[in-house]
Amino acid sequence: MRLFAYLILLCALAAPLSACGKKGDLEPPPGSKKTDYPREYPR
């Protein structure tokens, strides 16, 4: 029973960590509108 509880705890702690990381390309896809950044702010 204790081993089962440790496995559940391990899975619960590891699940949020698996969602970290890069999700896609950092460059916009070809044919997309150019981004507005970096922008000059009004003074």
Protein backbone atom coordinates (compact mmCIF):
# COMPACT_ATOMS: atom_id res chain seq x y z
CA MET A 1 0.00 0.00 0.00
CA ARG A 2 2.83 2.40 0.82
CA LEU A 3 4.50 1.72 -2.54
CA PHE A 4 1.25 2.52 -4.33
CA ALA A 5 0.96 5.81 -2.45
CA TYR A 6 4.56 6.72 -3.38
CA LEU A 7 3.87 5.98 -7.05
CA ILE A 8 0.75 8.17 -7.03
CA LEU A 9 2.69 10.98 -5.34
CA LEU A 10 5.52 10.67 -7.85
CA CYS A 11 3.12 10.86 -10.78
CA ALA A 12 1.33 13.86 -9.26
CA LEU A 13 4.60 15.73 -8.83
CA ALA A 14 6.01 14.78 -12.26
CA ALA A 15 2.91 15.70 -14.28
CA PRO A 16 3.28 19.51 -14.07
CA LEU A 17 6.96 19.29 -14.96
CA SER A 18 6.19 17.46 -18.17
CA ALA A 19 4.23 20.49 -19.41
CA CYS A 20 7.29 22.77 -19.36
CA GLY A 21 9.33 23.53 -22.44
CA LYS A 22 9.13 25.02 -25.89
CA LYS A 23 5.84 24.33 -27.62
CA GLY A 24 6.63 25.48 -31.13
CA ASP A 25 8.88 27.44 -33.44
CA LEU A 26 10.17 30.77 -32.22
CA GLU A 27 10.03 32.21 -35.73
CA PRO A 28 6.65 33.08 -37.26
CA PRO A 29 5.47 30.75 -40.01
CA PRO A 30 6.25 31.78 -43.60
CA GLY A 31 3.66 34.06 -45.13
CA SER A 32 2.49 35.46 -41.80
CA LYS A 33 2.22 39.13 -40.93
CA LYS A 34 5.40 40.66 -39.52
CA THR A 35 5.22 41.19 -35.77
CA ASP A 36 5.01 44.66 -34.25
CA TYR A 37 7.87 44.06 -31.81
CA PRO A 38 10.19 45.68 -30.91
CA ARG A 39 8.03 48.75 -30.80
CA GLU A 40 8.92 52.32 -29.90
CA TYR A 41 6.80 53.59 -27.05
CA PRO A 42 5.46 57.15 -26.99
CA ARG A 43 7.31 59.50 -24.69
